Amino acid sequence: MTIDKEFFNVKYKEGSLDPKTAQLIFFAVCIAIGHEEGATLHLKKARECGASEDEITEAVVYAMRPAAAKVRNVAKAIIAK
């Protein structure tokens, strides 16, 4: 069952994602923004929802990809000068 919600003027249906996927997303986003307490909380919740270590590791890699791509692009631009 979904619940209609709004967050910063974005309307969405909470519950559209299964709980494990939602917690893995929260975990990855918290890692990406450096929110250690949130990452710890959502990792615990993801595990409680049945997330495997492989799923957790995959979420970590997804959190790293945008930052790694930015580092690569900045390095290429600076080296090319």
C-alpha atoms as a PDB file:
ATOM      1  CA  MET A   1       0.000   0.000   0.000  1.00  0.00           C
ATOM      2  CA  THR A   2       1.295   3.445  -0.874  1.00  0.00           C
ATOM      3  CA  ILE A   3       0.721   6.727   0.923  1.00  0.00           C
ATOM      4  CA  ASP A   4       0.511  10.039  -0.925  1.00  0.00           C
ATOM      5  CA  LYS A   5       3.243  12.346   0.392  1.00  0.00           C
ATOM      6  CA  GLU A   6       4.868  15.646  -0.471  1.00  0.00           C
ATOM      7  CA  PHE A   7       8.449  16.711   0.223  1.00  0.00           C
ATOM      8  CA  PHE A   8       9.698  20.161  -0.830  1.00  0.00           C
ATOM      9  CA  ASN A   9       6.800  20.437  -3.292  1.00  0.00           C
ATOM     10  CA  VAL A  10       7.541  17.031  -4.835  1.00  0.00           C
ATOM     11  CA  LYS A  11       4.518  14.761  -4.702  1.00  0.00           C
ATOM     12  CA  TYR A  12       5.218  11.047  -4.486  1.00  0.00           C
ATOM     13  CA  LYS A  13       3.759   7.783  -3.250  1.00  0.00           C
ATOM     14  CA  GLU A  14       5.677   6.482  -0.249  1.00  0.00           C
ATOM     15  CA  GLY A  15       5.801   2.701  -0.317  1.00  0.00           C
ATOM     16  CA  SER A  16       6.312   2.387  -4.070  1.00  0.00           C
ATOM     17  CA  LEU A  17       9.761   0.939  -3.390  1.00  0.00           C
ATOM     18  CA  ASP A  18      10.144  -2.202  -1.351  1.00  0.00           C
ATOM     19  CA  PRO A  19      11.616  -1.453   2.112  1.00  0.00           C
ATOM     20  CA  LYS A  20      14.993  -3.081   1.423  1.00  0.00           C
ATOM     21  CA  THR A  21      15.539  -1.078  -1.779  1.00  0.00           C
ATOM     22  CA  ALA A  22      14.468   2.142  -0.057  1.00  0.00           C
ATOM     23  CA  GLN A  23      16.924   1.554   2.799  1.00  0.00           C
ATOM     24  CA  LEU A  24      19.761   0.748   0.374  1.00  0.00           C
ATOM     25  CA  ILE A  25      19.061   4.022  -1.457  1.00  0.00           C
ATOM     26  CA  PHE A  26      19.017   5.966   1.821  1.00  0.00           C
ATOM     27  CA  PHE A  27      22.306   4.260   2.783  1.00  0.00           C
ATOM     28  CA  ALA A  28      24.000   5.067  -0.541  1.00  0.00           C
ATOM     29  CA  VAL A  29      22.859   8.700  -0.486  1.00  0.00           C
ATOM     30  CA  CYS A  30      24.044   9.145   3.098  1.00  0.00           C
ATOM     31  CA  ILE A  31      27.467   7.788   2.131  1.00  0.00           C
ATOM     32  CA  ALA A  32      27.615  10.053  -0.918  1.00  0.00           C
ATOM     33  CA  ILE A  33      26.925  13.186   1.160  1.00  0.00           C
ATOM     34  CA  GLY A  34      29.137  12.130   4.070  1.00  0.00           C
ATOM     35  CA  HIS A  35      26.279  11.687   6.572  1.00  0.00           C
ATOM     36  CA  GLU A  36      27.846   9.005   8.771  1.00  0.00           C
ATOM     37  CA  GLU A  37      25.020   8.761  11.319  1.00  0.00           C
ATOM     38  CA  GLY A  38      22.421   8.372   8.563  1.00  0.00           C
ATOM     39  CA  ALA A  39      24.549   5.801   6.747  1.00  0.00           C
ATOM     40  CA  THR A  40      24.910   3.776   9.951  1.00  0.00           C
ATOM     41  CA  LEU A  41      21.173   3.933  10.661  1.00  0.00           C
ATOM     42  CA  HIS A  42      20.090   2.993   7.138  1.00  0.00           C
ATOM     43  CA  LEU A  43      22.703   0.222   6.844  1.00  0.00           C
ATOM     44  CA  LYS A  44      21.228  -1.323   9.996  1.00  0.00           C
ATOM     45  CA  LYS A  45      17.700  -0.964   8.589  1.00  0.00           C
ATOM     46  CA  ALA A  46      18.753  -2.401   5.199  1.00  0.00           C
ATOM     47  CA  ARG A  47      20.207  -5.442   6.956  1.00  0.00           C
ATOM     48  CA  GLU A  48      17.010  -5.799   9.014  1.00  0.00           C
ATOM     49  CA  CYS A  49      15.088  -5.785   5.706  1.00  0.00           C
ATOM     50  CA  GLY A  50      17.257  -8.650   4.441  1.00  0.00           C
ATOM     51  CA  ALA A  51      19.929  -6.863   2.399  1.00  0.00           C
ATOM     52  CA  SER A  52      22.840  -9.145   1.592  1.00  0.00           C
ATOM     53  CA  GLU A  53      26.470  -8.068   1.840  1.00  0.00           C
ATOM     54  CA  ASP A  54      26.622  -8.161  -1.980  1.00  0.00           C
ATOM     55  CA  GLU A  55      23.664  -5.770  -2.202  1.00  0.00           C
ATOM     56  CA  ILE A  56      25.256  -3.460   0.373  1.00  0.00           C
ATOM     57  CA  THR A  57      28.556  -3.458  -1.515  1.00  0.00           C
ATOM     58  CA  GLU A  58      26.751  -2.709  -4.783  1.00  0.00           C
ATOM     59  CA  ALA A  59      25.008   0.246  -3.108  1.00  0.00           C
ATOM     60  CA  VAL A  60      28.409   1.538  -1.945  1.00  0.00           C
ATOM     61  CA  VAL A  61      29.759   1.336  -5.499  1.00  0.00           C
ATOM     62  CA  TYR A  62      26.711   3.223  -6.808  1.00  0.00           C
ATOM     63  CA  ALA A  63      27.317   5.916  -4.170  1.00  0.00           C
ATOM     64  CA  MET A  64      30.932   6.242  -5.350  1.00  0.00           C
ATOM     65  CA  ARG A  65      30.308   6.418  -9.095  1.00  0.00           C
ATOM     66  CA  PRO A  66      29.173  10.060  -9.479  1.00  0.00           C
ATOM     67  CA  ALA A  67      32.069  11.345  -7.355  1.00  0.00           C
ATOM     68  CA  ALA A  68      34.565   9.170  -9.220  1.00  0.00           C
ATOM     69  CA  ALA A  69      33.259  10.395 -12.567  1.00  0.00           C
ATOM     70  CA  LYS A  70      33.587  14.009 -11.424  1.00  0.00           C
ATOM     71  CA  VAL A  71      37.167  13.433 -10.246  1.00  0.00           C
ATOM     72  CA  ARG A  72      38.013  11.817 -13.587  1.00  0.00           C
ATOM     73  CA  ASN A  73      36.485  14.675 -15.575  1.00  0.00           C
ATOM     74  CA  VAL A  74      38.201  17.389 -13.535  1.00  0.00           C
ATOM     75  CA  ALA A  75      41.538  15.582 -13.803  1.00  0.00           C
ATOM     76  CA  LYS A  76      41.182  15.213 -17.574  1.00  0.00           C
ATOM     77  CA  ALA A  77      40.384  18.921 -17.959  1.00  0.00           C
ATOM     78  CA  ILE A  78      43.328  20.014 -15.814  1.00  0.00           C
ATOM     79  CA  ILE A  79      45.792  17.622 -17.443  1.00  0.00           C
ATOM     80  CA  ALA A  80      44.676  18.719 -20.917  1.00  0.00           C
ATOM     81  CA  LYS A  81      45.664  22.364 -20.208  1.00  0.00           C
END
